[in-house]
C-alpha atoms as a PDB file:
ATOM      1  CA  MET A   1      -0.143  -0.352  -0.021  1.00  0.00           C
ATOM      2  CA  ILE A   2       1.387   3.228  -0.979  1.00  0.00           C
ATOM      3  CA  PRO A   3      -0.275   7.156  -0.365  1.00  0.00           C
ATOM      4  CA  LEU A   4      -2.654   7.924  -3.328  1.00  0.00           C
ATOM      5  CA  THR A   5       0.057  10.965  -3.474  1.00  0.00           C
ATOM      6  CA  ALA A   6       2.862   8.454  -4.921  1.00  0.00           C
ATOM      7  CA  HIS A   7       0.817   6.573  -7.008  1.00  0.00           C
ATOM      8  CA  ARG A   8       0.985   7.144 -10.817  1.00  0.00           C
ATOM      9  CA  ARG A   9      -0.922   9.219 -12.575  1.00  0.00           C
ATOM     10  CA  GLY A  10      -3.489   7.868 -15.097  1.00  0.00           C
ATOM     11  CA  VAL A  11      -2.995   4.481 -13.659  1.00  0.00           C
ATOM     12  CA  PRO A  12      -6.227   3.466 -11.866  1.00  0.00           C
ATOM     13  CA  ALA A  13      -5.416   1.686  -8.480  1.00  0.00           C
ATOM     14  CA  THR A  14      -7.800   0.475  -5.345  1.00  0.00           C
ATOM     15  CA  VAL A  15      -8.982   2.183  -1.969  1.00  0.00           C
ATOM     16  CA  MET A  16      -6.941  -0.058   0.492  1.00  0.00           C
ATOM     17  CA  GLU A  17      -7.715   2.041   3.306  1.00  0.00           C
ATOM     18  CA  LEU A  18      -8.701   5.965   4.512  1.00  0.00           C
ATOM     19  CA  ARG A  19      -6.102   7.072   7.313  1.00  0.00           C
ATOM     20  CA  GLY A  20      -7.657   9.554   9.809  1.00  0.00           C
ATOM     21  CA  GLY A  21     -10.287  10.520  12.216  1.00  0.00           C
ATOM     22  CA  HIS A  22     -13.894  10.460  11.607  1.00  0.00           C
ATOM     23  CA  ALA A  23     -14.632  14.503   9.437  1.00  0.00           C
ATOM     24  CA  MET A  24     -11.879  13.280   7.153  1.00  0.00           C
ATOM     25  CA  ARG A  25     -13.319   9.961   6.670  1.00  0.00           C
ATOM     26  CA  SER A  26     -17.173  11.172   6.110  1.00  0.00           C
ATOM     27  CA  ARG A  27     -15.750  13.333   3.973  1.00  0.00           C
ATOM     28  CA  LEU A  28     -14.561  11.266   1.687  1.00  0.00           C
ATOM     29  CA  GLU A  29     -16.660   8.665   1.788  1.00  0.00           C
ATOM     30  CA  ALA A  30     -19.435  11.379   1.182  1.00  0.00           C
ATOM     31  CA  LEU A  31     -17.099  12.135  -2.183  1.00  0.00           C
ATOM     32  CA  GLY A  32     -17.461   8.682  -3.147  1.00  0.00           C
ATOM     33  CA  ILE A  33     -14.319   7.633  -1.929  1.00  0.00           C
ATOM     34  CA  ARG A  34     -13.984   4.738   0.375  1.00  0.00           C
ATOM     35  CA  GLU A  35     -12.106   1.319   0.745  1.00  0.00           C
ATOM     36  CA  GLY A  36     -12.433  -0.865  -2.110  1.00  0.00           C
ATOM     37  CA  LYS A  37     -13.227   2.057  -4.661  1.00  0.00           C
ATOM     38  CA  ARG A  38     -11.082   2.284  -7.440  1.00  0.00           C
ATOM     39  CA  ILE A  39      -9.604   4.911  -8.345  1.00  0.00           C
ATOM     40  CA  THR A  40      -7.053   7.150 -10.731  1.00  0.00           C
ATOM     41  CA  LEU A  41      -5.147   9.785  -9.928  1.00  0.00           C
ATOM     42  CA  VAL A  42      -5.632  12.663 -13.076  1.00  0.00           C
ATOM     43  CA  SER A  43      -2.934  15.677 -12.066  1.00  0.00           C
ATOM     44  CA  VAL A  44      -1.026  16.900  -9.036  1.00  0.00           C
ATOM     45  CA  LEU A  45      -0.887  20.912  -9.298  1.00  0.00           C
ATOM     46  CA  GLY A  46       2.366  22.074  -8.217  1.00  0.00           C
ATOM     47  CA  ARG A  47       4.765  20.995  -5.029  1.00  0.00           C
ATOM     48  CA  HIS A  48       1.643  21.721  -2.909  1.00  0.00           C
ATOM     49  CA  GLY A  49      -1.481  21.971  -4.416  1.00  0.00           C
ATOM     50  CA  PRO A  50      -4.473  19.674  -4.726  1.00  0.00           C
ATOM     51  CA  VAL A  51      -4.864  16.394  -5.786  1.00  0.00           C
ATOM     52  CA  ILE A  52      -6.694  15.798  -8.796  1.00  0.00           C
ATOM     53  CA  LEU A  53      -8.946  12.102  -9.025  1.00  0.00           C
ATOM     54  CA  GLN A  54     -11.628  10.581 -10.740  1.00  0.00           C
ATOM     55  CA  VAL A  55     -13.728   7.385  -8.748  1.00  0.00           C
ATOM     56  CA  GLU A  56     -15.126   4.686 -10.763  1.00  0.00           C
ATOM     57  CA  GLY A  57     -18.316   4.652 -12.341  1.00  0.00           C
ATOM     58  CA  SER A  58     -17.558   8.617 -12.091  1.00  0.00           C
ATOM     59  CA  SER A  59     -17.168  11.204 -14.830  1.00  0.00           C
ATOM     60  CA  THR A  60     -16.587  13.591 -12.196  1.00  0.00           C
ATOM     61  CA  GLN A  61     -12.983  14.647 -11.393  1.00  0.00           C
ATOM     62  CA  ILE A  62     -12.742  15.388  -7.468  1.00  0.00           C
ATOM     63  CA  ALA A  63      -9.813  17.750  -6.159  1.00  0.00           C
ATOM     64  CA  VAL A  64      -8.351  16.871  -2.755  1.00  0.00           C
ATOM     65  CA  GLY A  65      -5.744  18.735  -0.803  1.00  0.00           C
ATOM     66  CA  ARG A  66      -2.476  16.562  -0.656  1.00  0.00           C
ATOM     67  CA  GLY A  67      -2.505  16.334   3.058  1.00  0.00           C
ATOM     68  CA  MET A  68      -5.588  14.238   2.430  1.00  0.00           C
ATOM     69  CA  ALA A  69      -4.713  12.589  -0.744  1.00  0.00           C
ATOM     70  CA  GLY A  70      -1.329  11.537   1.199  1.00  0.00           C
ATOM     71  CA  ARG A  71      -3.823   9.307   3.864  1.00  0.00           C
ATOM     72  CA  ILE A  72      -5.586   7.861   0.959  1.00  0.00           C
ATOM     73  CA  LEU A  73      -3.589   4.354   1.087  1.00  0.00           C
ATOM     74  CA  VAL A  74      -3.702   2.518  -2.704  1.00  0.00           C
ATOM     75  CA  SER A  75      -2.924  -0.418  -3.915  1.00  0.00           C
ATOM     76  CA  GLU A  76      -1.926  -1.076  -7.730  1.00  0.00           C
ATOM     77  CA  HIS A  77      -2.602  -4.460  -7.806  1.00  0.00           C
ATOM     78  CA  ALA A  78      -5.750  -5.229  -5.915  1.00  0.00           C
ATOM     79  CA  ALA A  79      -9.326  -6.267  -7.694  1.00  0.00           C
END
């Protein structure tokens, strides 16, 4: 498992774990980001800017802060 911020752009990955408190987990889940979901890192804006991602099954792109994205642990090879 690696943080989403360290994952390769354009390659789908499976969310394995959301690290953080209840409020952060609730926010991510409200955006459709939950354990077991496939997501794709679309882009990283600058060195400290937000991370743009897309949740499988949605055409909408979502921006999350880099700190929050670093707490999303993913695996490229999970089913």
